Protein backbone atom coordinates (compact mmCIF):
# COMPACT_ATOMS: atom_id res chain seq x y z
CA MET A 1 -16.87 -12.98 45.46
CA ALA A 2 -16.77 -9.94 47.45
CA LYS A 3 -18.29 -7.15 45.39
CA LYS A 4 -15.43 -4.39 45.02
CA THR A 5 -16.41 -0.80 46.09
CA THR A 6 -15.90 1.95 43.72
CA ALA A 7 -12.18 3.28 44.56
CA GLU A 8 -10.95 -0.05 43.89
CA LYS A 9 -12.38 -0.75 40.69
CA LEU A 10 -10.73 3.15 39.95
CA ALA A 11 -7.83 1.69 41.14
CA THR A 12 -7.87 -1.42 38.91
CA ILE A 13 -8.63 1.00 35.80
CA GLN A 14 -6.02 3.50 36.92
CA GLN A 15 -3.55 0.96 37.46
CA GLY A 16 -4.51 -1.02 33.58
CA TYR A 17 -3.89 2.29 31.91
CA THR A 18 -0.65 4.02 33.50
CA LEU A 19 1.50 3.29 30.54
CA GLY A 20 5.31 4.61 29.21
CA GLY A 21 5.21 5.57 26.82
CA PRO A 22 2.63 7.86 23.34
CA THR A 23 -0.43 6.82 23.45
CA ILE A 24 -3.46 7.96 21.69
CA GLU A 25 -6.04 9.54 24.67
CA LEU A 26 -9.79 8.57 24.71
CA GLY A 27 -11.57 9.71 27.40
CA ALA A 28 -12.35 9.55 30.78
CA ALA A 29 -13.52 6.12 32.95
CA ILE A 30 -17.03 5.86 33.69
CA VAL A 31 -17.34 3.53 37.26
CA ASP A 32 -21.12 3.08 39.51
CA GLY A 33 -22.62 5.84 36.93
CA GLU A 34 -20.40 9.23 38.08
CA VAL A 35 -17.63 10.18 35.27
CA HIS A 36 -13.44 9.87 37.03
CA LYS A 37 -11.53 12.10 35.23
CA GLU A 38 -8.48 10.93 37.24
CA ALA A 39 -9.68 7.29 35.67
CA GLN A 40 -7.72 7.44 31.62
CA VAL A 41 -8.35 5.60 29.44
CA ARG A 42 -6.20 5.16 26.55
CA LEU A 43 -4.59 3.90 23.88
CA PRO A 44 -0.44 3.10 23.27
CA LEU A 45 1.04 4.81 20.22
CA SER A 46 3.08 1.53 19.70
CA MET A 47 0.08 -1.06 19.64
CA MET A 48 -2.28 0.96 17.30
CA ASN A 49 -0.81 -1.75 14.08
CA ARG A 50 -2.27 -4.86 16.49
CA HIS A 51 -5.30 -3.72 14.45
CA GLY A 52 -9.22 -2.36 15.95
CA LEU A 53 -12.31 -2.81 16.42
CA VAL A 54 -15.08 0.19 16.27
CA ALA A 55 -18.37 -1.31 16.50
CA GLY A 56 -21.55 -0.01 17.64
CA ALA A 57 -25.24 0.30 16.86
CA THR A 58 -26.08 3.36 14.18
CA GLY A 59 -25.91 6.85 16.48
CA THR A 60 -23.97 5.71 19.04
CA GLY A 61 -21.10 7.78 18.45
CA LYS A 62 -18.65 5.87 16.48
CA THR A 63 -17.96 8.46 13.91
CA VAL A 64 -17.27 10.74 16.33
CA THR A 65 -14.58 8.10 17.91
CA LEU A 66 -13.01 7.84 14.16
CA HIS A 67 -12.34 12.11 14.00
CA MET A 68 -11.03 12.20 17.72
CA MET A 69 -8.93 9.18 17.06
CA ALA A 70 -7.89 10.83 13.56
CA GLU A 71 -7.23 13.95 15.35
CA GLN A 72 -4.89 13.17 17.28
CA LEU A 73 -2.47 10.50 15.27
CA SER A 74 -1.96 13.70 13.01
CA THR A 75 -0.87 15.46 16.15
CA ALA A 76 1.70 12.54 17.10
CA GLY A 77 3.02 12.35 12.94
CA VAL A 78 1.13 9.56 12.14
CA ALA A 79 -0.32 9.83 8.33
CA VAL A 80 -4.22 8.57 8.79
CA PHE A 81 -6.38 6.56 5.94
CA LEU A 82 -10.56 7.32 6.44
CA ALA A 83 -13.34 5.98 4.30
CA ASP A 84 -15.74 8.66 4.86
CA ILE A 85 -19.33 7.64 3.95
CA LYS A 86 -21.82 10.39 4.92
CA GLY A 87 -19.37 13.47 4.51
CA ASP A 88 -18.90 14.34 8.43
CA LEU A 89 -15.58 13.70 8.49
CA SER A 90 -14.19 16.86 5.76
CA GLY A 91 -14.73 19.02 9.08
CA LEU A 92 -11.36 18.01 10.05
CA ALA A 93 -10.26 20.47 7.77
CA THR A 94 -12.07 23.28 10.25
CA ALA A 95 -11.01 24.18 13.86
CA ALA A 96 -14.41 24.17 15.77
CA THR A 97 -15.31 27.33 17.56
CA ALA A 98 -15.88 26.91 21.41
CA SER A 99 -19.57 26.69 23.54
CA GLU A 100 -21.10 26.35 26.97
CA LYS A 101 -21.99 22.53 25.89
CA LEU A 102 -18.34 21.42 24.84
CA THR A 103 -16.75 23.50 27.63
CA ALA A 104 -18.71 21.33 30.61
CA ARG A 105 -18.01 18.33 28.53
CA THR A 106 -14.30 18.70 28.54
CA ALA A 107 -13.26 19.94 31.33
CA SER A 108 -15.34 16.67 33.21
CA LEU A 109 -12.74 14.33 31.14
CA GLY A 110 -9.88 16.80 32.48
CA GLN A 111 -9.66 17.87 28.84
CA GLU A 112 -7.24 20.38 27.86
CA TRP A 113 -9.69 21.24 24.86
CA VAL A 114 -8.59 23.89 21.95
CA GLY A 115 -9.62 24.87 18.56
CA LYS A 116 -7.59 22.93 15.87
CA ALA A 117 -7.73 22.63 12.09
CA PHE A 118 -5.69 19.36 11.06
CA PRO A 119 -3.95 18.55 7.17
CA VAL A 120 -6.28 16.56 4.83
CA GLU A 121 -6.46 15.62 1.52
CA PHE A 122 -9.44 14.73 -0.26
CA LEU A 123 -9.78 11.71 -2.80
CA SER A 124 -12.62 10.36 -4.35
CA LEU A 125 -12.77 7.05 -5.95
CA GLY A 126 -12.09 7.67 -10.00
CA GLY A 127 -13.99 11.19 -9.42
CA ASP A 128 -17.13 10.37 -8.01
CA GLY A 129 -17.75 13.21 -5.62
CA ASN A 130 -15.74 16.44 -3.68
CA GLY A 131 -11.51 15.54 -4.14
CA VAL A 132 -8.42 14.09 -6.11
CA PRO A 133 -9.43 10.73 -8.06
CA VAL A 134 -8.31 7.24 -7.12
CA ARG A 135 -8.08 4.62 -9.74
CA ALA A 136 -6.66 1.35 -9.96
CA THR A 137 -5.94 -0.48 -13.60
CA ILE A 138 -7.67 -3.70 -13.79
CA THR A 139 -4.26 -5.27 -13.41
CA SER A 140 -3.13 -4.06 -10.44
CA PHE A 141 -6.97 -5.24 -9.03
CA GLY A 142 -6.22 -8.52 -9.77
CA PRO A 143 -8.94 -11.02 -10.73
CA ILE A 144 -10.15 -11.70 -6.70
CA LEU A 145 -11.22 -8.40 -5.77
CA LEU A 146 -12.85 -7.77 -9.48
CA SER A 147 -14.25 -11.40 -9.03
CA ARG A 148 -16.23 -10.20 -5.50
CA ILE A 149 -17.30 -6.91 -7.38
CA MET A 150 -18.42 -8.92 -10.74
CA GLU A 151 -20.21 -11.33 -8.14
CA LEU A 152 -18.60 -14.46 -9.50
CA ASN A 153 -18.82 -17.97 -8.31
CA ASP A 154 -15.55 -20.14 -7.69
CA THR A 155 -15.15 -21.30 -10.69
CA GLN A 156 -15.85 -18.16 -12.69
CA GLU A 157 -13.45 -16.73 -10.46
CA SER A 158 -10.98 -19.11 -11.08
CA SER A 159 -11.70 -18.92 -14.52
CA LEU A 160 -11.18 -15.16 -14.56
CA GLN A 161 -7.53 -15.90 -12.87
CA LEU A 162 -6.42 -17.88 -16.15
CA THR A 163 -7.56 -14.66 -18.12
CA PHE A 164 -5.19 -12.44 -16.09
CA HIS A 165 -2.65 -15.17 -16.64
CA PHE A 166 -3.00 -15.32 -19.96
CA ALA A 167 -3.05 -11.14 -20.58
CA ASP A 168 0.59 -11.38 -18.31
CA GLN A 169 1.93 -13.95 -20.41
CA LYS A 170 1.47 -12.26 -23.75
CA LYS A 171 1.80 -8.84 -22.68
CA LEU A 172 -1.48 -7.37 -22.98
CA GLU A 173 -1.98 -4.41 -20.43
CA LEU A 174 -5.12 -4.80 -18.69
CA ILE A 175 -5.84 -0.86 -17.94
CA ASP A 176 -9.75 -0.55 -17.73
CA LEU A 177 -12.77 -2.44 -18.34
CA LYS A 178 -12.53 -2.20 -22.00
CA ASP A 179 -9.55 -3.44 -21.82
CA LEU A 180 -10.07 -6.88 -20.31
CA ARG A 181 -13.54 -6.60 -22.40
CA ALA A 182 -11.32 -7.00 -25.76
CA VAL A 183 -9.19 -9.73 -24.30
CA ILE A 184 -12.14 -12.02 -23.49
CA GLN A 185 -13.97 -11.26 -26.94
CA PHE A 186 -10.51 -12.60 -28.05
CA LEU A 187 -10.81 -15.46 -26.45
CA THR A 188 -14.00 -16.30 -27.59
CA SER A 189 -12.81 -15.44 -31.47
CA ASP A 190 -12.26 -17.84 -33.83
CA GLU A 191 -8.64 -16.05 -33.79
CA GLY A 192 -8.23 -16.15 -29.79
CA LYS A 193 -9.66 -20.08 -30.22
CA ALA A 194 -6.70 -21.82 -29.81
CA GLU A 195 -5.60 -19.32 -27.31
CA LEU A 196 -8.42 -20.82 -25.26
CA GLU A 197 -7.80 -24.45 -25.47
CA ASP A 198 -4.28 -24.06 -24.42
CA LEU A 199 -5.37 -21.86 -20.81
CA GLY A 200 -6.87 -24.66 -19.45
CA GLY A 201 -9.67 -25.32 -17.64
CA LEU A 202 -11.30 -21.75 -19.28
CA SER A 203 -14.26 -23.00 -21.55
CA LYS A 204 -16.58 -20.50 -24.13
CA ALA A 205 -19.74 -20.45 -21.97
CA THR A 206 -17.50 -19.60 -18.54
CA ALA A 207 -15.80 -17.04 -20.74
CA GLY A 208 -18.96 -15.63 -22.32
CA VAL A 209 -20.34 -15.28 -19.10
CA ILE A 210 -17.98 -13.12 -17.11
CA LEU A 211 -18.09 -11.05 -20.88
CA ARG A 212 -21.61 -10.05 -19.39
CA GLU A 213 -20.82 -9.54 -15.93
CA LEU A 214 -18.03 -7.30 -16.90
CA VAL A 215 -20.82 -5.30 -19.93
CA ASN A 216 -22.80 -4.78 -16.92
CA LEU A 217 -19.92 -3.50 -14.94
CA GLU A 218 -20.00 -0.63 -18.04
CA ALA A 219 -23.49 -0.36 -17.59
CA ARG A 220 -23.36 0.70 -14.39
CA GLY A 221 -21.15 3.35 -15.06
CA MET A 222 -18.05 1.86 -13.17
CA GLU A 223 -15.86 2.34 -16.16
CA LYS A 224 -14.63 5.69 -14.38
CA PHE A 225 -13.27 4.13 -11.57
CA PHE A 226 -10.42 1.83 -13.39
CA GLY A 227 -7.85 3.26 -15.14
CA GLU A 228 -5.02 6.03 -15.56
CA PRO A 229 -3.34 7.32 -14.16
CA GLU A 230 -3.30 4.77 -11.49
CA PHE A 231 -3.29 5.91 -7.22
CA ASP A 232 -0.20 5.12 -5.41
CA THR A 233 -1.06 4.11 -1.88
CA ALA A 234 2.58 5.36 -0.76
CA GLU A 235 0.57 8.67 -0.94
CA LEU A 236 -1.22 8.12 2.13
CA LEU A 237 1.93 7.95 3.96
CA ARG A 238 2.50 11.71 3.99
CA THR A 239 3.11 13.88 6.38
CA ALA A 240 2.11 17.80 6.75
CA PRO A 241 5.72 20.13 6.63
CA ASP A 242 5.16 20.52 10.23
CA GLY A 243 5.06 16.86 11.17
CA ARG A 244 1.84 16.11 11.59
CA GLY A 245 0.56 13.51 9.44
CA VAL A 246 -2.05 13.77 6.55
CA ILE A 247 -5.33 12.26 7.06
CA SER A 248 -6.47 11.88 3.78
CA CYS A 249 -10.45 11.52 3.85
CA LEU A 250 -12.11 9.66 0.59
CA GLU A 251 -15.45 9.77 0.19
CA LEU A 252 -18.25 7.91 -2.46
CA PRO A 253 -22.11 9.37 -2.05
CA THR A 254 -23.16 7.03 -4.00
CA LEU A 255 -21.93 4.70 -1.57
CA GLN A 256 -26.12 3.33 -1.18
CA THR A 257 -25.95 2.10 -5.00
CA LYS A 258 -21.54 0.45 -5.44
CA PRO A 259 -21.38 -0.38 -1.88
CA MET A 260 -19.81 -3.35 -3.13
CA LEU A 261 -17.23 -1.44 -4.80
CA PHE A 262 -16.71 1.16 -2.19
CA SER A 263 -15.58 -2.00 0.38
CA THR A 264 -13.62 -3.70 -2.37
CA PHE A 265 -11.66 -1.08 -2.99
CA LEU A 266 -10.70 -0.48 0.31
CA MET A 267 -9.18 -3.71 0.31
CA TRP A 268 -7.84 -2.91 -3.06
CA LEU A 269 -5.81 -0.17 -0.77
CA LEU A 270 -4.59 -2.65 1.55
CA ALA A 271 -3.97 -4.82 -0.26
CA ASP A 272 -1.05 -2.06 -2.70
CA LEU A 273 0.28 -1.35 0.66
CA PHE A 274 0.70 -4.42 1.94
CA GLU A 275 2.47 -5.65 -1.51
CA ASP A 276 5.02 -2.14 -1.79
CA LEU A 277 5.58 -1.99 1.76
CA PRO A 278 8.68 -3.21 3.82
CA GLU A 279 8.87 -5.57 6.27
CA ALA A 280 9.38 -2.68 9.83
CA GLY A 281 8.98 -4.91 12.41
CA ASP A 282 8.16 -3.23 16.38
CA LEU A 283 8.01 0.32 16.12
CA ASP A 284 7.77 3.24 18.11
CA LYS A 285 4.27 4.52 16.13
CA PRO A 286 3.05 2.80 13.17
CA LYS A 287 3.28 4.30 9.15
CA LEU A 288 -0.41 4.63 8.72
CA VAL A 289 -4.04 4.11 10.44
CA PHE A 290 -6.17 2.51 8.55
CA PHE A 291 -9.61 2.89 9.24
CA LEU A 292 -12.69 0.76 6.86
CA ASP A 293 -15.62 1.80 7.93
CA GLU A 294 -18.72 -0.33 6.73
CA ALA A 295 -16.58 -3.35 6.99
CA HIS A 296 -19.58 -4.92 7.74
CA LEU A 297 -19.31 -5.20 3.65
CA LEU A 298 -16.47 -6.47 3.07
CA PHE A 299 -17.82 -9.95 4.66
CA THR A 300 -21.87 -10.36 3.01
CA ASP A 301 -21.14 -12.92 0.06
CA ALA A 302 -17.30 -13.06 -0.16
CA SER A 303 -16.07 -15.94 -1.30
CA LYS A 304 -13.74 -19.14 0.27
CA ALA A 305 -10.65 -17.33 -1.66
CA PHE A 306 -11.43 -13.62 -0.76
CA LEU A 307 -11.82 -14.74 3.01
CA GLU A 308 -8.26 -15.89 3.50
CA ALA A 309 -6.66 -13.45 1.59
CA ILE A 310 -8.62 -10.79 4.29
CA THR A 311 -7.10 -12.42 7.17
CA THR A 312 -3.10 -13.02 5.21
CA THR A 313 -3.51 -9.13 4.74
CA VAL A 314 -4.75 -8.02 8.40
CA ARG A 315 -2.20 -10.76 9.68
CA LEU A 316 1.14 -9.93 8.06
CA ILE A 317 0.88 -5.89 7.72
CA ARG A 318 1.06 -4.92 10.86
CA SER A 319 4.71 -6.20 10.30
CA LYS A 320 5.11 -3.24 8.16
CA GLY A 321 4.26 -0.94 10.70
CA VAL A 322 -0.02 -0.27 9.01
CA GLY A 323 -2.99 -0.95 11.41
CA ILE A 324 -6.13 -1.51 10.70
CA PHE A 325 -9.28 -0.26 12.83
CA PHE A 326 -12.56 -2.60 11.54
CA VAL A 327 -15.60 0.26 12.16
CA THR A 328 -19.11 -1.44 11.99
CA GLN A 329 -22.50 -2.64 14.42
CA THR A 330 -21.53 -5.67 16.06
CA PRO A 331 -18.43 -7.58 16.14
CA LYS A 332 -20.16 -10.27 14.75
CA ASP A 333 -20.46 -8.24 11.84
CA VAL A 334 -16.63 -9.63 10.84
CA PRO A 335 -15.36 -13.15 10.99
CA ALA A 336 -14.47 -15.12 13.77
CA ALA A 337 -10.53 -16.05 12.25
CA VAL A 338 -10.24 -11.47 11.14
CA LEU A 339 -11.76 -10.91 15.05
CA GLY A 340 -9.21 -12.60 16.69
CA GLN A 341 -6.60 -10.50 15.28
CA LEU A 342 -8.01 -7.12 16.40
CA ALA A 343 -6.62 -6.38 20.10
CA ASN A 344 -8.45 -2.89 20.57
CA ARG A 345 -11.61 -2.78 20.60
CA VAL A 346 -14.34 0.60 21.48
CA GLN A 347 -18.04 -1.09 21.46
CA HIS A 348 -20.49 1.49 21.94
CA ALA A 349 -24.03 0.98 22.91
CA LEU A 350 -26.01 -2.06 21.17
CA ARG A 351 -29.30 -1.93 20.52
CA ALA A 352 -31.57 -4.74 21.73
CA PHE A 353 -34.78 -5.28 20.44
CA THR A 354 -35.11 -8.19 18.65
CA PRO A 355 -34.59 -11.85 19.58
CA GLU A 356 -31.38 -11.00 16.49
CA ASP A 357 -30.18 -8.65 18.38
CA ALA A 358 -30.22 -10.54 22.44
CA LYS A 359 -28.22 -13.24 19.82
CA ALA A 360 -25.80 -10.56 18.92
CA LEU A 361 -25.29 -8.81 22.40
CA LYS A 362 -24.20 -11.94 24.05
CA ALA A 363 -21.32 -12.31 21.72
CA THR A 364 -20.30 -9.46 22.15
CA VAL A 365 -20.17 -9.99 25.40
CA SER A 366 -18.46 -12.91 25.45
CA THR A 367 -15.63 -11.28 22.93
CA PHE A 368 -14.17 -9.05 25.84
CA PRO A 369 -12.21 -9.46 28.83
CA VAL A 370 -13.69 -10.68 32.82
CA SER A 371 -14.55 -7.65 34.20
CA ASP A 372 -15.91 -5.02 36.89
CA TYR A 373 -19.63 -4.08 34.94
CA ASP A 374 -22.22 -6.02 34.19
CA LEU A 375 -21.98 -6.17 29.89
CA GLU A 376 -24.72 -6.57 28.81
CA GLU A 377 -26.52 -3.66 31.30
CA THR A 378 -23.74 -1.78 29.76
CA LEU A 379 -23.88 -2.21 26.07
CA THR A 380 -27.75 -1.67 26.13
CA SER A 381 -27.66 1.53 28.24
CA ALA A 382 -24.46 3.40 27.70
CA GLY A 383 -25.50 7.55 26.26
CA ILE A 384 -24.43 8.51 23.19
CA GLY A 385 -20.32 9.32 23.15
CA GLU A 386 -19.93 6.45 25.98
CA ALA A 387 -18.10 3.50 24.97
CA VAL A 388 -17.10 -0.12 26.02
CA ILE A 389 -12.80 -0.25 25.78
CA THR A 390 -10.19 -3.25 25.77
CA VAL A 391 -6.74 -2.58 24.46
CA MET A 392 -3.55 -3.66 24.30
CA ASN A 393 -0.77 -2.53 26.60
CA GLU A 394 2.91 -2.27 26.26
CA LYS A 395 3.38 -5.53 27.15
CA GLY A 396 0.99 -7.26 24.61
CA ALA A 397 -1.52 -8.03 27.30
CA PRO A 398 -5.25 -6.67 27.35
CA THR A 399 -5.74 -3.42 29.74
CA PRO A 400 -9.19 -4.08 31.86
CA VAL A 401 -12.26 -3.16 30.40
CA ALA A 402 -13.41 0.60 31.18
CA LEU A 403 -16.92 2.45 30.18
CA THR A 404 -15.34 5.69 28.71
CA LYS A 405 -17.13 8.83 28.29
CA LEU A 406 -14.83 9.33 24.90
CA ARG A 407 -13.35 13.01 24.25
CA ALA A 408 -14.17 15.79 22.14
CA PRO A 409 -13.32 15.97 18.26
CA GLU A 410 -10.90 19.44 18.30
CA SER A 411 -12.25 20.67 14.94
CA VAL A 412 -15.48 20.55 13.22
CA MET A 413 -18.14 17.40 14.65
CA GLY A 414 -19.95 17.86 10.49
CA PRO A 415 -18.83 18.73 7.03
CA SER A 416 -16.40 21.84 6.52
CA THR A 417 -17.60 24.32 3.75
CA ASP A 418 -17.61 23.15 -0.21
CA GLU A 419 -15.53 26.68 -0.40
CA LEU A 420 -12.73 25.23 2.37
CA ILE A 421 -13.10 22.00 0.33
CA ARG A 422 -13.13 23.14 -3.66
CA SER A 423 -9.66 24.58 -2.30
CA THR A 424 -8.26 22.17 -0.72
CA ILE A 425 -8.50 20.19 -3.63
CA ALA A 426 -7.10 22.79 -5.96
CA THR A 427 -4.08 23.11 -4.47
CA SER A 428 -3.22 19.69 -3.15
CA PRO A 429 0.05 18.41 -4.42
CA LEU A 430 -1.29 15.20 -6.00
CA LEU A 431 -3.85 16.85 -8.46
CA PRO A 432 -1.18 18.05 -11.42
CA LYS A 433 -0.55 13.73 -11.41
CA TYR A 434 -3.85 11.91 -10.66
CA GLY A 435 -6.74 14.60 -11.94
CA THR A 436 -6.84 13.68 -15.44
CA ALA A 437 -7.47 10.64 -16.51
CA VAL A 438 -5.56 9.18 -20.24
CA ASP A 439 -5.59 6.67 -21.73
CA ASN A 440 -2.66 5.12 -23.36
CA ILE A 441 -2.32 2.26 -25.49
CA SER A 442 -3.00 -1.06 -23.35
CA ALA A 443 -4.87 -4.37 -24.74
CA TYR A 444 -7.60 -2.55 -26.58
CA GLU A 445 -5.23 -1.15 -28.57
CA LYS A 446 -3.04 -4.64 -29.18
CA LEU A 447 -5.80 -6.73 -30.33
CA THR A 448 -8.55 -3.99 -32.06
CA GLY A 449 -5.37 -2.47 -34.07
CA LYS A 450 -6.95 0.89 -32.65
CA GLY A 451 -4.84 3.78 -31.92
CA THR A 452 -1.79 1.71 -32.77
CA ALA A 453 0.82 1.55 -36.13
CA PRO A 454 1.31 -1.74 -37.84
CA SER A 455 5.27 -1.91 -37.53
CA THR A 456 5.43 -2.63 -41.33
CA GLY A 457 2.99 -3.03 -43.64
CA GLU A 458 -0.73 -2.64 -42.70
CA ALA A 459 -2.84 -5.30 -40.74
CA ALA A 460 -5.07 -7.30 -42.65
CA PRO A 461 -8.95 -5.99 -42.57
CA GLY A 462 -11.42 -7.69 -39.96
CA ARG A 463 -8.80 -9.92 -38.18
CA PRO A 464 -6.90 -8.57 -34.71
CA PRO A 465 -3.42 -9.39 -34.23
CA VAL A 466 -2.76 -11.51 -32.39
CA PRO A 467 -0.52 -11.52 -28.96
CA ALA A 468 3.89 -11.62 -29.39
CA ALA A 469 5.49 -14.28 -27.46
CA LEU A 470 6.99 -14.22 -24.90
CA ASP A 471 10.81 -13.00 -25.28
CA PRO A 472 13.69 -13.89 -23.22
CA SER A 473 14.38 -10.06 -22.14
CA ALA A 474 10.76 -11.11 -20.36
CA VAL A 475 12.39 -14.06 -18.96
CA ASP A 476 15.66 -12.71 -17.70
CA ALA A 477 14.06 -9.26 -15.79
CA ASN A 478 11.67 -12.08 -14.21
CA ALA A 479 14.52 -14.56 -12.94
CA ARG A 480 16.31 -11.15 -11.57
CA ARG A 481 13.07 -10.38 -10.19
CA ILE A 482 12.48 -13.62 -8.37
CA GLU A 483 16.81 -13.90 -7.16
CA GLU A 484 16.56 -9.99 -5.61
CA GLU A 485 13.16 -10.28 -4.09
CA ILE A 486 12.28 -13.45 -3.27
CA LEU A 487 15.57 -15.00 -2.15
CA GLY A 488 17.37 -11.46 -1.04
CA ARG A 489 20.43 -11.71 -3.46
CA PRO A 490 22.14 -10.76 -6.60
CA SER A 491 21.21 -11.51 -9.28
CA SER A 492 23.80 -12.40 -12.61
CA ARG A 493 20.92 -12.18 -14.81
CA PRO A 494 21.35 -9.03 -17.41
CA LEU A 495 19.55 -6.32 -16.74
CA PRO A 496 17.14 -4.76 -19.77
CA SER A 497 18.05 -3.91 -23.00
CA SER A 498 16.45 -0.22 -23.61
CA ALA A 499 15.13 -0.56 -26.83
CA PRO A 500 11.70 -0.29 -26.24
CA GLU A 501 9.23 -4.12 -26.81
CA ALA A 502 8.44 -3.85 -30.41
CA TRP A 503 4.01 -3.43 -30.83
CA PRO A 504 2.21 -4.20 -32.58
CA PRO A 505 3.29 -7.70 -33.47
CA ALA A 506 3.73 -8.59 -37.18
CA PRO A 507 0.48 -8.38 -39.57
CA ALA A 508 -1.23 -11.05 -40.55
CA HIS A 509 0.05 -11.72 -43.74
CA ALA A 510 3.81 -12.23 -41.80
CA PRO A 511 4.56 -15.38 -40.74
CA ALA A 512 2.88 -15.90 -37.13
CA PRO A 513 4.54 -16.05 -33.98
CA ALA A 514 5.99 -18.37 -32.39
CA PRO A 515 3.17 -20.07 -29.28
CA LEU A 516 4.80 -19.10 -25.50
CA PRO A 517 6.97 -22.50 -24.59
CA GLN A 518 4.70 -24.31 -22.59
CA GLN A 519 7.74 -24.93 -19.90
CA ASP A 520 7.29 -28.93 -17.41
CA GLY A 521 3.41 -29.13 -18.28
CA GLY A 522 2.54 -25.59 -19.40
CA GLY A 523 0.60 -22.81 -17.18
CA MET A 524 2.12 -20.37 -14.54
CA MET A 525 3.92 -22.82 -12.65
CA GLY A 526 5.63 -23.97 -15.85
CA ASP A 527 7.13 -20.31 -16.43
CA PHE A 528 7.56 -20.28 -12.91
CA ALA A 529 9.68 -23.80 -13.28
CA GLY A 530 11.32 -22.52 -15.38
CA VAL A 531 12.83 -18.85 -14.76
CA LEU A 532 13.61 -20.08 -11.56
CA GLY A 533 15.47 -23.37 -13.29
CA GLY A 534 16.81 -20.35 -15.01
CA ALA A 535 18.16 -18.58 -12.18
CA LEU A 536 19.28 -21.27 -10.07
CA GLY A 537 19.54 -24.55 -12.18
CA GLY A 538 18.02 -27.03 -14.09
CA GLY A 539 17.39 -29.42 -10.40
CA ILE A 540 15.25 -26.17 -8.45
CA LYS A 541 12.79 -27.07 -11.39
CA SER A 542 10.92 -30.26 -9.95
CA MET A 543 10.74 -28.15 -6.74
CA ALA A 544 9.28 -25.18 -8.29
CA ARG A 545 6.48 -26.84 -9.65
CA SER A 546 5.84 -28.88 -6.38
CA PHE A 547 4.78 -25.76 -4.73
CA GLY A 548 1.58 -25.55 -7.15
CA THR A 549 -0.13 -23.03 -9.04
CA GLN A 550 -1.70 -21.36 -5.61
CA LEU A 551 2.11 -20.72 -4.38
CA GLY A 552 2.70 -19.68 -8.08
CA ARG A 553 -0.16 -17.14 -8.37
CA GLU A 554 1.24 -15.27 -4.82
CA LEU A 555 4.80 -14.94 -6.05
CA LEU A 556 3.95 -13.84 -8.98
CA ARG A 557 0.96 -11.44 -7.99
CA GLY A 558 0.01 -10.37 -4.80
CA VAL A 559 -1.87 -12.43 -1.72
CA PHE A 560 -5.55 -10.93 -3.61
CA GLY A 561 -3.73 -11.71 -7.01
CA THR A 562 -2.83 -7.55 -7.46
CA SER A 563 -0.15 -6.58 -9.78
CA SER A 564 1.21 -2.87 -9.58
CA ARG A 565 2.92 -1.81 -12.30
CA ARG A 566 5.22 -0.24 -9.46
CA ARG A 567 5.94 -3.84 -8.91
CA ARG A 568 6.67 -5.10 -12.47
């Protein structure tokens, strides 16, 4: 094959990146060692929900790339979520000032640079760091994600799912770690022995292991990340009064001591968005672009259930108007099932100091389309602020591979001042809603009798109250939800009464409540089949049972076993 001239290579890039709709401008192509500002490399805004990968060795400019993309997304009215691990991204709230070096760089790219500040919301996990506290309830977080943090094996994860199922059945709200601990302690006590046996598949020994891991989480100071008020992920989709998208920066300064917690919480945010957002189809621009930094932490030693849940979320959430960009060192860090769904690629330089590095380099090159570049050489010689790019064009085809000198951000590349961060947090509309933790009555209080008054008389000393049975109104509510949300038709079931649910249950000397009905084989699918049967007629019960426990769990909880109060 005849070698292409520089002009021919440029023509290929120019043609490939000539796009009709709004775009994110990434930079100017480098061809044969020279920057060509007439060959602009860009990403269609409408294709950003096809997800992407930003990869490269440490120090090659990945964070600056996220910074620059976030600015343009905000300007286009798209909300952005960033995990600010090093604190550098807080500079988005401060306009940058020009310098001679900066002016020379932007001129060489054909970039019309103006210093700007952007609307930023500072968030922090449980108040650990600077920002409005982000908390999740245990029940919303779900058993699969919690198993990930607790590093449980598959058997223990299944047992934890049964524990959540028991709490759901018995109306025991799992708000924080002490609630889950109280439920497990009840199941392993003499009073809970019968309930433990009824669950099936949950041994007392396994429950004890889970309890010890739970206590270990509390000992490591993780209780502050769980509780109320729970963060509503719809807050991530806000726009500023001037129409620009709000950039939410989540900080966790203690990442090195809690890497699993950080990455799993990011996945909870995505899972909650996935469950809450309606289908949107193909939009002119996404509702939210979610940059998931340190993505390799998500997949290290992940269980099969966890990997399947991530794959499902990535595959389906794009139709709800959300784009996800995984940020990591090499594509090898991301499982093939997920990597295959990342249409937009920004690959910074890689290093090949060891045989393992060389192997990763070859694997990375193999994931790019055929190009006019020697990618092995290009990826090892690219400078800071340069990247090899290919994205999906508006017709759904990959654009030509282009080594690109990336545009410069218009806000400060580094942290904003502490004063600005503090004043931004103090004036945040979210602070009154999430700033102060509350401890409402939940499973711990119900099972121990602390903080609650008995309905009649006094509870017998030393004996925790036994949860009440599932009442008919709860069955009606579940049937109505299934008809309306899953089957997509109006429900004839009665609306719930305004009378508050009686709690705590009758004291110990009163007759014990009837056991929870075990319909058609018992367990979660028995309940599910019974509800469907009541809603649609008895003939559907056998069909509902045939769906299996996995589908039942996914219908009654989210794809990660999550279950927000907003969806119940």
